[in-house]
Protein backbone atom coordinates (compact mmCIF):
# COMPACT_ATOMS: atom_id res chain seq x y z
CA MET A 1 18.11 8.98 5.17
CA LEU A 2 16.35 9.44 1.82
CA SER A 3 17.16 13.13 2.07
CA PRO A 4 17.38 15.69 -0.75
CA SER A 5 21.17 15.46 -0.60
CA ARG A 6 21.05 11.65 -0.71
CA ARG A 7 18.84 11.95 -3.78
CA GLU A 8 21.43 14.10 -5.54
CA ALA A 9 24.15 11.59 -4.68
CA ASP A 10 22.03 8.67 -5.90
CA LEU A 11 21.28 10.49 -9.16
CA ALA A 12 25.02 10.86 -9.71
CA ARG A 13 25.53 7.15 -9.02
CA LEU A 14 22.95 6.12 -11.65
CA SER A 15 25.30 6.64 -14.58
CA GLU A 16 28.42 5.29 -12.88
CA GLY A 17 29.42 1.76 -13.78
CA CYS A 18 26.96 -1.12 -14.08
CA PHE A 19 24.50 -2.39 -11.45
CA ASP A 20 23.84 -6.07 -10.96
CA VAL A 21 20.10 -5.38 -10.82
CA LEU A 22 17.98 -2.41 -11.86
CA VAL A 23 14.46 -2.59 -10.36
CA VAL A 24 11.73 -0.56 -12.05
CA GLY A 25 8.70 0.22 -9.87
CA GLY A 26 8.53 1.50 -6.30
CA GLY A 27 5.48 -0.32 -4.96
CA ILE A 28 5.76 -3.10 -2.41
CA THR A 29 6.95 -5.67 -4.98
CA GLY A 30 9.67 -3.43 -6.39
CA ALA A 31 10.75 -2.28 -2.93
CA GLY A 32 10.83 -5.88 -1.72
CA THR A 33 12.82 -6.95 -4.78
CA ALA A 34 15.39 -4.21 -4.20
CA LEU A 35 15.74 -5.22 -0.55
CA ASP A 36 16.03 -8.92 -1.41
CA ALA A 37 18.73 -8.28 -4.01
CA ALA A 38 20.67 -5.84 -1.81
CA THR A 39 20.71 -8.24 1.15
CA ARG A 40 22.10 -10.97 -1.12
CA GLY A 41 25.15 -8.82 -1.83
CA LEU A 42 24.10 -7.52 -5.25
CA SER A 43 24.48 -3.92 -6.37
CA VAL A 44 21.00 -2.49 -6.87
CA ALA A 45 19.25 0.58 -8.25
CA LEU A 46 15.52 1.11 -7.62
CA VAL A 47 13.62 3.73 -9.64
CA GLU A 48 9.99 4.82 -9.39
CA ALA A 49 8.22 7.17 -11.82
CA GLU A 50 6.13 8.87 -9.12
CA ASP A 51 6.40 8.30 -5.36
CA TRP A 52 6.94 5.18 -3.33
CA ALA A 53 3.66 3.20 -3.20
CA ALA A 54 1.86 5.80 -5.32
CA GLY A 55 0.50 3.40 -7.92
CA THR A 56 -1.21 0.55 -6.09
CA SER A 57 0.47 -0.23 -2.79
CA SER A 58 -1.01 2.70 -0.86
CA TRP A 59 -4.61 1.96 -1.86
CA SER A 60 -5.16 -1.55 -0.45
CA SER A 61 -7.50 -2.71 2.32
CA LYS A 62 -4.56 -2.29 4.74
CA LEU A 63 -4.57 -5.99 5.63
CA VAL A 64 -1.80 -8.55 5.99
CA HIS A 65 -3.87 -11.69 5.72
CA GLY A 66 -4.14 -15.20 4.36
CA GLY A 67 -7.28 -14.47 2.37
CA LEU A 68 -10.09 -16.34 4.10
CA ARG A 69 -12.31 -16.16 1.00
CA TYR A 70 -9.68 -17.97 -1.10
CA LEU A 71 -10.43 -21.13 0.87
CA GLN A 72 -13.84 -21.14 -0.80
CA MET A 73 -11.97 -21.05 -4.13
CA LEU A 74 -9.97 -24.10 -2.90
CA ASP A 75 -6.72 -22.17 -3.29
CA PHE A 76 -5.13 -23.82 -0.24
CA ARG A 77 -1.55 -23.29 -1.40
CA LEU A 78 -2.01 -19.52 -1.74
CA VAL A 79 -3.69 -19.27 1.67
CA HIS A 80 -0.98 -21.33 3.35
CA GLU A 81 1.75 -19.25 1.72
CA ALA A 82 0.06 -15.98 2.73
CA LEU A 83 -0.44 -17.15 6.33
CA ARG A 84 3.22 -18.09 6.56
CA GLU A 85 4.15 -14.64 5.29
CA ARG A 86 1.71 -13.01 7.73
CA SER A 87 3.56 -14.65 10.60
CA ILE A 88 6.99 -13.68 9.27
CA LEU A 89 6.01 -10.05 8.83
CA LEU A 90 4.26 -9.85 12.20
CA HIS A 91 6.96 -11.50 14.29
CA HIS A 92 10.25 -10.90 12.49
CA VAL A 93 10.22 -8.32 9.72
CA ALA A 94 7.88 -5.49 10.79
CA PRO A 95 6.29 -5.92 14.24
CA HIS A 96 6.08 -2.11 14.48
CA LEU A 97 3.92 -1.88 11.36
CA VAL A 98 1.91 -5.13 11.30
CA ARG A 99 -0.63 -5.54 14.11
CA PRO A 100 -3.10 -8.31 15.05
CA LEU A 101 -6.75 -7.48 14.47
CA GLN A 102 -9.84 -9.38 15.61
CA ILE A 103 -12.54 -9.68 12.95
CA LEU A 104 -16.14 -10.80 13.41
CA TYR A 105 -17.93 -12.89 10.78
CA PRO A 106 -21.70 -12.49 11.44
CA LEU A 107 -23.76 -15.61 10.72
CA ARG A 108 -27.18 -15.14 9.14
CA ARG A 109 -28.39 -18.75 9.25
CA PRO A 110 -28.16 -21.22 12.12
CA VAL A 111 -26.51 -24.66 12.15
CA LEU A 112 -25.42 -25.18 8.54
CA GLU A 113 -23.77 -21.78 8.04
CA ARG A 114 -22.10 -22.00 11.45
CA ALA A 115 -20.75 -25.43 10.57
CA TYR A 116 -19.59 -24.30 7.11
CA VAL A 117 -17.96 -21.05 8.24
CA GLY A 118 -16.61 -22.60 11.42
CA ALA A 119 -14.93 -25.38 9.43
CA GLY A 120 -13.40 -22.83 7.04
CA VAL A 121 -12.03 -20.63 9.83
CA ALA A 122 -10.75 -23.71 11.69
CA LEU A 123 -8.87 -24.75 8.54
CA TYR A 124 -7.55 -21.18 8.28
CA ASP A 125 -6.15 -21.41 11.81
CA LEU A 126 -4.72 -24.89 11.17
CA LEU A 127 -2.97 -23.69 8.04
CA ALA A 128 -1.52 -20.77 10.01
CA PHE A 129 -0.36 -23.11 12.78
CA SER A 130 1.27 -25.43 10.27
CA THR A 131 3.57 -22.69 8.98
CA LEU A 132 5.70 -23.01 12.15
CA THR A 133 7.12 -19.53 11.69
CA GLY A 134 6.58 -18.16 15.20
CA ARG A 135 3.95 -17.86 17.87
CA GLY A 136 0.57 -17.72 16.25
CA LEU A 137 -2.41 -15.45 16.62
CA PRO A 138 -5.28 -16.46 18.92
CA TRP A 139 -7.56 -19.16 17.53
CA HIS A 140 -11.04 -18.39 16.35
CA ARG A 141 -14.05 -18.43 18.68
CA HIS A 142 -17.72 -19.13 18.13
CA LEU A 143 -20.05 -16.47 19.56
CA SER A 144 -23.73 -16.59 20.34
CA LYS A 145 -25.98 -13.83 19.07
CA LYS A 146 -25.76 -12.15 22.45
CA GLY A 147 -21.97 -12.42 22.48
CA ALA A 148 -21.70 -11.01 18.96
CA LEU A 149 -23.88 -8.03 19.86
CA ARG A 150 -21.72 -7.34 22.91
CA ALA A 151 -18.68 -7.09 20.63
CA ALA A 152 -20.55 -5.10 17.98
CA PRO A 153 -23.67 -3.43 19.41
CA ALA A 154 -24.12 -1.56 16.11
CA LEU A 155 -25.28 -4.76 14.38
CA ARG A 156 -29.01 -5.11 13.77
CA GLU A 157 -30.43 -8.00 15.81
CA GLY A 158 -32.24 -9.41 12.81
CA ALA A 159 -29.06 -9.44 10.73
CA LEU A 160 -27.34 -12.29 12.59
CA VAL A 161 -27.92 -15.42 14.62
CA GLY A 162 -24.38 -15.55 15.98
CA ALA A 163 -20.83 -15.03 14.77
CA VAL A 164 -17.35 -16.45 14.42
CA ALA A 165 -14.44 -14.27 15.59
CA TYR A 166 -10.99 -14.80 14.10
CA TYR A 167 -7.71 -12.89 13.74
CA ASP A 168 -5.75 -11.37 10.88
CA CYS A 169 -3.38 -8.40 10.76
CA GLN A 170 -3.54 -4.75 9.75
CA VAL A 171 -0.86 -2.51 8.23
CA ASP A 172 -0.34 1.02 6.97
CA ASP A 173 0.59 -0.11 3.48
CA ALA A 174 2.29 3.08 2.27
CA ARG A 175 4.42 3.40 5.40
CA TYR A 176 5.44 -0.23 5.03
CA VAL A 177 6.65 0.42 1.48
CA VAL A 178 8.63 3.50 2.53
CA GLU A 179 10.38 1.57 5.31
CA THR A 180 11.15 -1.28 2.89
CA VAL A 181 12.75 1.19 0.46
CA ARG A 182 14.74 2.82 3.26
CA THR A 183 15.92 -0.56 4.49
CA ALA A 184 17.09 -1.46 0.97
CA ALA A 185 18.94 1.88 0.85
CA SER A 186 20.58 1.06 4.19
CA TYR A 187 22.03 -2.05 2.50
CA GLY A 188 23.51 0.11 -0.25
CA ALA A 189 20.75 0.28 -2.85
CA VAL A 190 20.33 3.43 -4.91
CA ALA A 191 16.69 4.45 -4.41
CA LEU A 192 15.08 7.21 -6.46
CA ASN A 193 11.46 8.25 -6.67
CA ARG A 194 10.25 10.70 -9.33
CA ALA A 195 12.62 8.87 -11.73
CA ARG A 196 10.78 7.52 -14.78
CA VAL A 197 12.00 4.80 -17.15
CA THR A 198 11.44 6.09 -20.69
CA GLY A 199 12.98 3.16 -22.55
CA PHE A 200 15.28 0.18 -22.25
CA LEU A 201 18.87 0.09 -23.47
CA PRO A 202 19.41 -2.63 -26.11
CA HIS A 203 22.68 -4.34 -26.98
CA ASN A 204 22.87 -7.32 -29.32
CA GLY A 205 19.23 -8.22 -28.70
CA LYS A 206 19.56 -7.96 -24.93
CA VAL A 207 18.29 -5.41 -22.41
CA VAL A 208 21.33 -3.92 -20.67
CA GLY A 209 19.63 -1.20 -18.63
CA ALA A 210 17.25 1.70 -19.07
CA SER A 211 16.97 5.40 -19.80
CA VAL A 212 15.73 7.13 -16.65
CA ARG A 213 14.39 10.69 -16.59
CA ASP A 214 14.54 12.69 -13.38
CA GLU A 215 10.99 14.06 -13.24
CA GLU A 216 12.14 16.95 -11.05
CA THR A 217 14.65 18.37 -13.55
CA GLY A 218 14.03 16.57 -16.85
CA GLU A 219 17.61 15.28 -16.91
CA VAL A 220 17.98 11.82 -18.50
CA HIS A 221 20.40 9.18 -17.19
CA GLU A 222 21.48 5.97 -18.90
CA VAL A 223 21.51 3.26 -16.23
CA ARG A 224 23.47 0.11 -17.06
CA ALA A 225 22.49 -3.16 -15.41
CA ARG A 226 23.25 -6.82 -15.92
CA VAL A 227 19.57 -7.61 -15.33
CA THR A 228 16.54 -5.31 -15.21
CA VAL A 229 13.49 -6.34 -13.16
CA SER A 230 10.14 -4.75 -13.95
CA ALA A 231 7.77 -4.62 -10.96
CA THR A 232 5.27 -2.08 -12.25
CA GLY A 233 1.98 -3.73 -11.24
CA PRO A 234 -0.93 -2.54 -13.40
CA TRP A 235 1.59 -0.97 -15.81
CA THR A 236 3.32 -4.32 -16.46
CA GLU A 237 2.29 -4.58 -20.11
CA GLU A 238 3.24 -0.97 -20.83
CA THR A 239 6.67 -1.57 -19.31
CA GLU A 240 7.12 -4.76 -21.34
CA ALA A 241 6.17 -2.87 -24.50
CA LEU A 242 9.14 -0.51 -23.99
CA ALA A 243 11.42 -3.49 -24.59
CA GLY A 244 9.81 -4.16 -27.99
CA PHE A 245 9.33 -7.87 -27.34
CA GLU A 246 6.31 -10.13 -26.92
CA ARG A 247 4.51 -9.78 -23.61
CA ALA A 248 5.37 -12.47 -21.09
CA VAL A 249 2.89 -11.48 -18.39
CA ARG A 250 -0.66 -10.29 -19.13
CA VAL A 251 -2.42 -8.20 -16.51
CA ARG A 252 -6.09 -7.28 -16.02
CA PRO A 253 -6.38 -4.32 -13.66
CA SER A 254 -9.22 -4.50 -11.16
CA LYS A 255 -10.40 -1.44 -9.25
CA GLY A 256 -10.95 -1.59 -5.51
CA ALA A 257 -12.70 1.32 -3.77
CA HIS A 258 -12.87 2.11 -0.04
CA ILE A 259 -14.50 4.70 2.19
CA LEU A 260 -13.65 6.07 5.63
CA ILE A 261 -16.32 6.97 8.17
CA PRO A 262 -16.04 8.33 11.73
CA ARG A 263 -15.48 5.74 14.44
CA GLU A 264 -18.49 6.93 16.44
CA ARG A 265 -20.86 5.97 13.60
CA ILE A 266 -20.40 2.24 14.28
CA ASP A 267 -20.41 1.00 17.85
CA ALA A 268 -18.05 -1.99 17.80
CA THR A 269 -14.79 -3.12 19.37
CA VAL A 270 -13.80 -5.49 16.54
CA GLY A 271 -13.58 -5.45 12.76
CA LEU A 272 -16.23 -7.08 10.58
CA ILE A 273 -16.17 -9.21 7.44
CA LEU A 274 -19.48 -9.32 5.56
CA ARG A 275 -20.32 -11.76 2.79
CA THR A 276 -21.71 -10.09 -0.34
CA GLU A 277 -23.07 -11.44 -3.61
CA LYS A 278 -19.81 -10.60 -5.35
CA SER A 279 -17.14 -11.09 -2.69
CA VAL A 280 -16.62 -9.83 0.87
CA LEU A 281 -16.74 -6.43 2.55
CA PHE A 282 -14.36 -5.49 5.37
CA VAL A 283 -15.25 -3.00 8.09
CA LEU A 284 -11.95 -2.32 9.87
CA PRO A 285 -10.94 0.08 12.64
CA TRP A 286 -8.45 2.61 11.27
CA GLY A 287 -6.43 4.59 13.78
CA LYS A 288 -8.39 6.03 16.68
CA GLY A 289 -10.94 7.93 14.69
CA HIS A 290 -12.20 5.99 11.69
CA TRP A 291 -13.61 2.86 10.15
CA LEU A 292 -12.20 1.72 6.82
CA VAL A 293 -14.88 0.02 4.71
CA GLY A 294 -14.35 -1.82 1.41
CA THR A 295 -13.74 -3.11 -1.10
CA THR A 296 -15.17 -3.30 -4.60
CA ASP A 297 -13.75 -5.48 -7.38
CA THR A 298 -14.49 -4.28 -10.92
CA GLU A 299 -12.43 -4.51 -14.09
CA TRP A 300 -10.83 -1.17 -15.01
CA PRO A 301 -10.12 -0.84 -18.77
CA TYR A 302 -9.46 2.91 -18.61
CA SER A 303 -6.41 5.08 -17.96
CA LYS A 304 -4.40 3.67 -15.08
CA ALA A 305 -3.10 7.04 -13.95
CA LYS A 306 -6.19 8.11 -11.96
CA PRO A 307 -8.59 5.34 -10.94
CA LEU A 308 -11.41 7.04 -9.07
CA ALA A 309 -14.08 5.81 -6.70
CA THR A 310 -17.54 6.65 -8.03
CA ALA A 311 -20.86 7.51 -6.45
CA ALA A 312 -21.92 4.00 -7.48
CA ASP A 313 -18.98 2.51 -5.54
CA VAL A 314 -19.85 4.53 -2.45
CA GLY A 315 -23.52 3.54 -2.77
CA TYR A 316 -22.66 -0.15 -3.12
CA ILE A 317 -20.38 -0.11 -0.06
CA LEU A 318 -22.96 1.75 2.05
CA SER A 319 -25.75 -0.59 0.93
CA GLU A 320 -23.81 -3.70 1.93
CA LEU A 321 -22.74 -2.12 5.21
CA ASN A 322 -26.21 -0.90 6.11
CA SER A 323 -27.69 -4.35 5.52
CA VAL A 324 -26.32 -5.36 8.93
CA LEU A 325 -26.43 -2.08 10.89
CA GLU A 326 -29.15 -0.91 13.26
CA SER A 327 -28.44 2.74 12.47
CA PRO A 328 -27.68 3.25 8.75
CA VAL A 329 -24.60 5.17 7.63
CA THR A 330 -25.26 7.84 4.99
CA LYS A 331 -23.17 9.51 2.31
CA ASP A 332 -22.93 12.54 4.60
CA ASP A 333 -20.98 10.37 7.06
CA VAL A 334 -18.27 9.53 4.52
CA VAL A 335 -15.09 11.39 5.46
CA GLY A 336 -12.71 10.02 2.85
CA VAL A 337 -12.68 7.84 -0.22
CA TYR A 338 -9.99 6.22 -2.35
CA ALA A 339 -9.52 3.68 -5.12
CA GLY A 340 -6.60 1.64 -6.43
CA LEU A 341 -5.88 -0.97 -9.08
CA ARG A 342 -5.02 -4.61 -8.44
CA PRO A 343 -2.61 -6.06 -11.02
CA LEU A 344 -4.38 -9.39 -11.56
CA VAL A 345 -2.54 -11.84 -13.79
CA ALA A 346 -4.80 -13.18 -16.56
CA GLY A 347 -3.35 -16.65 -16.17
CA GLN A 348 -1.71 -18.54 -13.32
CA GLY A 349 1.71 -19.83 -12.43
CA VAL A 350 5.30 -18.78 -13.08
CA VAL A 351 6.09 -17.74 -16.64
CA ARG A 352 9.62 -18.72 -17.63
CA GLY A 353 9.85 -17.34 -21.14
CA PRO A 354 8.04 -15.34 -23.81
CA GLY A 355 4.57 -16.57 -24.56
CA GLU A 356 4.45 -19.19 -21.80
CA ALA A 357 1.71 -17.71 -19.61
CA THR A 358 -0.62 -20.50 -18.53
CA GLY A 359 -4.35 -20.59 -18.08
CA ALA A 360 -5.33 -17.39 -19.90
CA ALA A 361 -8.35 -16.04 -18.08
CA GLY A 362 -9.49 -13.17 -20.24
CA GLY A 363 -13.19 -13.97 -19.85
CA LYS A 364 -13.28 -14.44 -16.10
CA ASP A 365 -14.86 -11.97 -13.73
CA THR A 366 -12.02 -10.22 -11.84
CA THR A 367 -13.38 -11.52 -8.53
CA LYS A 368 -12.65 -15.04 -9.81
CA LEU A 369 -9.09 -14.36 -11.00
CA SER A 370 -6.37 -15.88 -8.87
CA ARG A 371 -4.18 -13.69 -6.67
CA GLU A 372 -1.15 -15.76 -7.68
CA HIS A 373 1.86 -13.93 -9.08
CA ALA A 374 3.81 -14.54 -12.26
CA VAL A 375 7.46 -14.07 -13.20
CA GLY A 376 8.34 -13.80 -16.88
CA ARG A 377 11.21 -13.07 -19.25
CA PRO A 378 9.96 -11.04 -22.22
CA ALA A 379 13.51 -10.35 -23.44
CA PRO A 380 17.07 -11.38 -22.59
CA GLY A 381 18.21 -9.30 -19.65
CA LEU A 382 14.65 -8.37 -18.60
CA VAL A 383 12.62 -10.08 -15.86
CA VAL A 384 8.99 -9.16 -15.15
CA VAL A 385 7.10 -9.85 -11.92
CA SER A 386 3.43 -9.01 -11.40
CA GLY A 387 0.20 -10.12 -9.74
CA GLY A 388 0.14 -11.46 -6.20
CA LYS A 389 -0.95 -9.55 -3.11
CA PHE A 390 0.63 -7.25 -0.57
CA THR A 391 0.99 -10.00 2.03
CA THR A 392 3.10 -12.22 -0.24
CA TYR A 393 5.38 -9.49 -1.61
CA ARG A 394 8.46 -11.14 -0.06
CA VAL A 395 7.81 -14.38 -1.99
CA MET A 396 7.31 -12.41 -5.20
CA ALA A 397 10.56 -10.56 -4.60
CA LYS A 398 12.45 -13.80 -3.95
CA ASP A 399 11.15 -15.36 -7.16
CA ALA A 400 12.04 -12.23 -9.14
CA VAL A 401 15.58 -12.08 -7.75
CA ASP A 402 16.07 -15.82 -8.25
CA ALA A 403 15.08 -15.32 -11.89
CA ALA A 404 17.43 -12.33 -12.19
CA VAL A 405 20.32 -14.31 -10.72
CA ARG A 406 19.75 -17.07 -13.28
CA GLU A 407 19.28 -14.61 -16.12
CA GLY A 408 22.47 -12.69 -15.40
CA SER A 409 24.56 -15.58 -14.00
CA LEU A 410 25.02 -13.42 -10.92
CA HIS A 411 26.83 -14.55 -7.80
CA ALA A 412 24.44 -14.01 -4.90
CA LEU A 413 23.56 -15.32 -1.47
CA GLU A 414 20.30 -17.14 -0.80
CA CYS A 415 17.24 -15.07 0.12
CA ARG A 416 17.60 -13.62 3.64
CA THR A 417 14.61 -11.31 3.98
CA ALA A 418 12.62 -13.56 6.33
CA ARG A 419 15.09 -12.52 9.02
CA VAL A 420 15.88 -8.95 7.93
CA PRO A 421 13.85 -6.51 10.07
CA LEU A 422 12.76 -3.26 8.49
CA LEU A 423 14.03 0.00 9.91
CA GLY A 424 12.15 0.77 13.11
CA ALA A 425 11.69 -2.87 14.12
CA ARG A 426 14.88 -3.32 16.13
CA GLY A 427 14.50 -1.70 19.55
CA LEU A 428 10.70 -1.59 19.32
CA ASP A 429 10.06 -2.80 22.87
CA GLU A 430 12.42 -0.17 24.28
CA ALA A 431 10.74 2.56 22.24
CA ARG A 432 7.33 1.53 23.55
CA SER A 433 8.61 1.53 27.12
CA ARG A 434 10.02 5.07 26.72
CA CYS A 435 6.82 6.79 25.62
CA GLU A 436 6.34 8.66 28.89
CA ALA A 437 9.98 9.73 29.00
CA LEU A 438 9.84 10.97 25.39
CA ALA A 439 6.61 12.86 26.11
CA SER A 440 8.25 14.60 29.04
CA GLU A 441 11.45 15.31 27.09
CA HIS A 442 9.63 16.96 24.19
CA GLY A 443 6.75 18.53 26.11
CA LEU A 444 4.13 16.55 24.20
CA PRO A 445 0.96 14.74 25.30
CA LEU A 446 1.51 11.04 25.88
CA ASP A 447 -0.98 10.03 23.20
CA ALA A 448 0.96 12.09 20.62
CA VAL A 449 4.14 10.20 21.41
CA GLU A 450 2.32 6.86 21.34
CA HIS A 451 0.98 7.86 17.93
CA VAL A 452 4.55 8.44 16.67
CA VAL A 453 5.90 5.20 18.16
CA GLY A 454 2.97 3.34 16.61
CA ARG A 455 3.88 4.70 13.15
CA TYR A 456 7.69 4.70 13.27
CA GLY A 457 8.64 2.14 15.91
CA ALA A 458 12.18 2.57 17.16
CA LEU A 459 12.67 5.51 14.77
CA ALA A 460 10.26 7.60 16.87
CA ALA A 461 13.08 9.42 18.68
CA GLU A 462 14.44 10.61 15.30
CA VAL A 463 11.03 11.98 14.35
CA LEU A 464 10.44 13.66 17.70
CA ALA A 465 13.87 15.30 17.55
CA GLY A 466 12.38 17.53 14.85
CA THR A 467 9.67 18.99 17.09
CA GLY A 468 12.04 21.73 18.24
CA ARG A 469 12.41 22.89 14.63
CA SER A 470 8.66 23.18 14.00
CA PRO A 471 7.18 26.59 13.11
CA ALA A 472 6.33 28.89 15.99
CA ASP A 473 2.58 28.47 15.52
CA GLY A 474 2.57 25.00 17.04
CA VAL A 475 3.89 21.47 16.74
CA PHE A 476 0.67 19.88 15.44
CA LEU A 477 -0.58 19.94 11.87
CA GLY A 478 -3.93 21.68 12.35
CA GLU A 479 -6.38 19.56 14.32
CA SER A 480 -5.20 16.30 12.77
CA GLY A 481 -3.09 14.84 15.56
CA TYR A 482 -0.10 14.51 13.23
CA LEU A 483 3.04 16.45 14.15
CA LYS A 484 4.65 18.97 11.85
CA ALA A 485 7.84 17.09 12.68
CA GLU A 486 6.39 14.13 10.76
CA VAL A 487 6.09 16.33 7.68
CA ALA A 488 9.69 17.46 8.10
CA TYR A 489 10.86 13.87 8.64
CA ALA A 490 9.06 12.80 5.46
CA VAL A 491 11.25 15.24 3.52
CA THR A 492 14.55 14.75 5.34
CA HIS A 493 14.42 10.97 5.81
CA GLU A 494 11.70 9.43 3.61
CA GLY A 495 12.17 10.98 0.19
CA ALA A 496 8.98 13.08 0.07
CA ARG A 497 9.20 15.62 -2.77
CA HIS A 498 5.64 16.87 -3.16
CA LEU A 499 2.59 17.66 -1.07
CA ASP A 500 0.68 14.53 -2.09
CA ASP A 501 3.67 12.41 -0.97
CA VAL A 502 3.10 13.71 2.56
CA LEU A 503 -0.69 13.99 2.72
CA LEU A 504 -1.55 10.74 0.92
CA ARG A 505 1.33 8.40 1.83
CA ARG A 506 3.70 9.54 4.62
CA THR A 507 0.59 10.52 6.56
CA ARG A 508 -2.94 9.45 5.57
CA LEU A 509 -4.53 12.86 6.02
CA GLY A 510 -5.74 12.87 2.43
CA ILE A 511 -8.28 10.17 3.27
CA GLU A 512 -8.73 10.85 6.99
CA GLU A 513 -9.70 14.54 6.80
CA PRO A 514 -12.84 15.79 5.04
CA GLY A 515 -12.21 17.26 1.62
CA GLY A 516 -8.96 15.40 1.13
CA ALA A 517 -7.09 17.31 3.87
CA GLN A 518 -7.61 20.75 2.38
CA ALA A 519 -7.55 22.10 5.94
CA SER A 520 -4.00 20.81 6.55
CA ALA A 521 -2.56 21.33 3.07
CA LEU A 522 -1.26 24.87 3.55
CA GLU A 523 0.51 24.16 6.85
CA ALA A 524 2.11 21.00 5.45
CA ALA A 525 3.23 22.86 2.34
CA GLN A 526 4.83 25.60 4.45
CA VAL A 527 6.86 23.05 6.41
CA MET A 528 8.01 21.39 3.17
CA ALA A 529 8.84 24.71 1.51
CA GLY A 530 11.49 25.54 4.07
CA LEU A 531 13.22 22.19 3.53
CA LEU A 532 12.93 21.94 -0.26
CA GLY A 533 13.61 25.57 -1.06
CA TRP A 534 10.22 26.41 -2.52
CA GLY A 535 9.63 30.08 -3.08
CA GLN A 536 6.18 31.60 -2.80
CA THR A 537 5.32 30.88 -6.43
CA ALA A 538 6.43 27.24 -6.19
CA LEU A 539 4.57 26.79 -2.90
CA GLN A 540 1.33 28.13 -4.39
CA ALA A 541 1.70 25.94 -7.48
CA GLU A 542 2.25 22.87 -5.32
CA LEU A 543 -0.79 23.71 -3.23
CA ASN A 544 -2.96 24.31 -6.29
CA ARG A 545 -1.92 21.02 -7.87
CA TYR A 546 -2.70 19.00 -4.75
CA LEU A 547 -6.04 20.68 -4.10
CA ALA A 548 -7.19 20.21 -7.70
CA ALA A 549 -6.43 16.48 -7.45
CA ALA A 550 -8.18 16.19 -4.08
CA ASN A 551 -11.20 18.01 -5.46
CA LEU A 552 -11.36 15.58 -8.39
CA VAL A 553 -11.47 12.59 -6.01
CA GLN A 554 -14.26 14.15 -3.98
CA ARG A 555 -16.27 15.16 -7.05
CA ALA A 556 -16.09 11.71 -8.65
CA ALA A 557 -17.29 10.09 -5.41
CA ARG A 558 -20.29 12.45 -5.40
CA GLU A 559 -21.17 12.64 -9.08
CA ALA A 560 -19.72 9.84 -11.23
CA LEU A 561 -22.41 7.26 -11.92
CA ASP A 562 -20.01 4.63 -13.26
CA ASP A 563 -16.35 3.97 -14.04
CA ALA A 564 -16.62 5.34 -17.58
CA GLU A 565 -17.77 8.70 -16.26
CA ALA A 566 -15.04 8.70 -13.61
CA ALA A 567 -12.44 7.99 -16.31
CA ARG A 568 -13.74 10.94 -18.34
CA MET A 569 -13.47 13.18 -15.28
CA ALA A 570 -9.88 12.06 -14.74
CA ILE A 571 -8.73 13.09 -18.21
CA ALA A 572 -10.73 16.33 -18.41
CA PRO A 573 -8.74 19.56 -18.01
CA THR A 574 -8.48 20.38 -14.31
CA GLY A 575 -7.92 23.93 -13.26
CA THR A 576 -7.88 25.16 -9.69
CA ALA A 577 -10.47 27.92 -9.87
CA ASN A 578 -13.25 25.56 -8.81
CA VAL A 579 -11.55 24.41 -5.62
CA ALA A 580 -13.74 25.71 -2.82
CA GLY A 581 -11.94 27.47 -0.02
CA GLN A 582 -8.58 27.23 -1.80
CA PRO A 583 -5.88 28.61 0.52
CA ARG A 584 -3.65 31.39 -0.71
CA VAL A 585 -0.11 31.99 0.42
């Protein structure tokens, strides 16, 4: 339980003794590194400046995949590695969070394109089969034009001559990160969000830990560690700079934007992958009510704190989508929008010491940069890991911990995480079989219980146990379909401290509800207030802060013509007076 009381206990543990490994960064790579180290028998502390997955890992395309387009770049090793990881995550580590998804690749030209795409997808399936990590996904199928239109009637007849259907997997990325952190904590790791590293502790030219500020109280802790691992994604170079040594890993952030539209706007039973001039566009079912459409890939040289999707991003996505649809989707159909930064390494391979990054790629378009990861050592006692992709986080974590073990001469077991299930995975089949019984026990509709089991797996009973403590005005959060018990569970078990933690990451209401979930914000805040001890003033301040940020996202998607304008919006003073319909307590 990443509860408020557990947080206080972990804060006290920060300054006690010396950890084997201190991990900085609470995205998927940092969370995976903490879990890897903890399961090898090492003492571990994991700190994150904001919330788990807040920086990059909650803003992906929500796919666990091999990367079909990387075959065209002849990056067979990366695709094979990612497909092996896809199988491990699906069958062993997180079957409650990673789900198979059929995707349609429409063909626009007969014969040659079918042969070319068919050969690529066949190789994709063969590479997946060759991983020998468990039962595979179904093999691809060739569809005629008529068969493709049966699967996706929304497609315009003139936009395709047939299709190839293949399988990949989908995931709620933020929930996956939270469960990885909780699993690391269950193996003894100290895990603290809202805990910012402000500097590294030097001793005889070596990094021996870090100064960590509790962002909730301002209190600073000196955390001693034999080895510190930085897994800060787009902030890699800033983190390295705190050590005062030469950068070992150079990162070029790339912005990816996505939109959500109502499910009824596109009549299809499968996902879509569309080839574009620049890359590919995914059209993926998201939950029961939405399509998730993206992504863009543009270099982002601005402040990394608030990457925003622009009106130009939304227009580009809609233009590419509408090129294949019979009934065009408009900006008025867009329910939600979000953007995140990819930490692309400007150079490939593993970096083993200062200045050894290979293949500097400063002039390349970000769409051409490899999705490989890099591990570097900018200073004695400090290991840096960056780059890669969500799917291969476990490999990145292994490489980072291997480097830390060498750096600190630590005694550790071999990597075990391929067979360590995340919390909620064990007992999944039983949880699924008990949906009707749980619905009856808690007086809930069956689909509500299935929703909870689908998000929490075998932990669903813990979540549902909180329904009896929900406020008297109902168990559901507005009209969203989420339970108020999920909000409470986010605070008592998942480390949620603020409203955006719940609305953007523990649930996805911030992108699923129009206006960034302004309709649900007050009810969610009221549930949290009772558990975190917010008075009326604190509750209103929390609400104002969230709504101002949500309003900024919506305004940039409507008005910003390019990234430069969006960056200016992000740093402009933001009050709350202009938030339409702002709730008052």
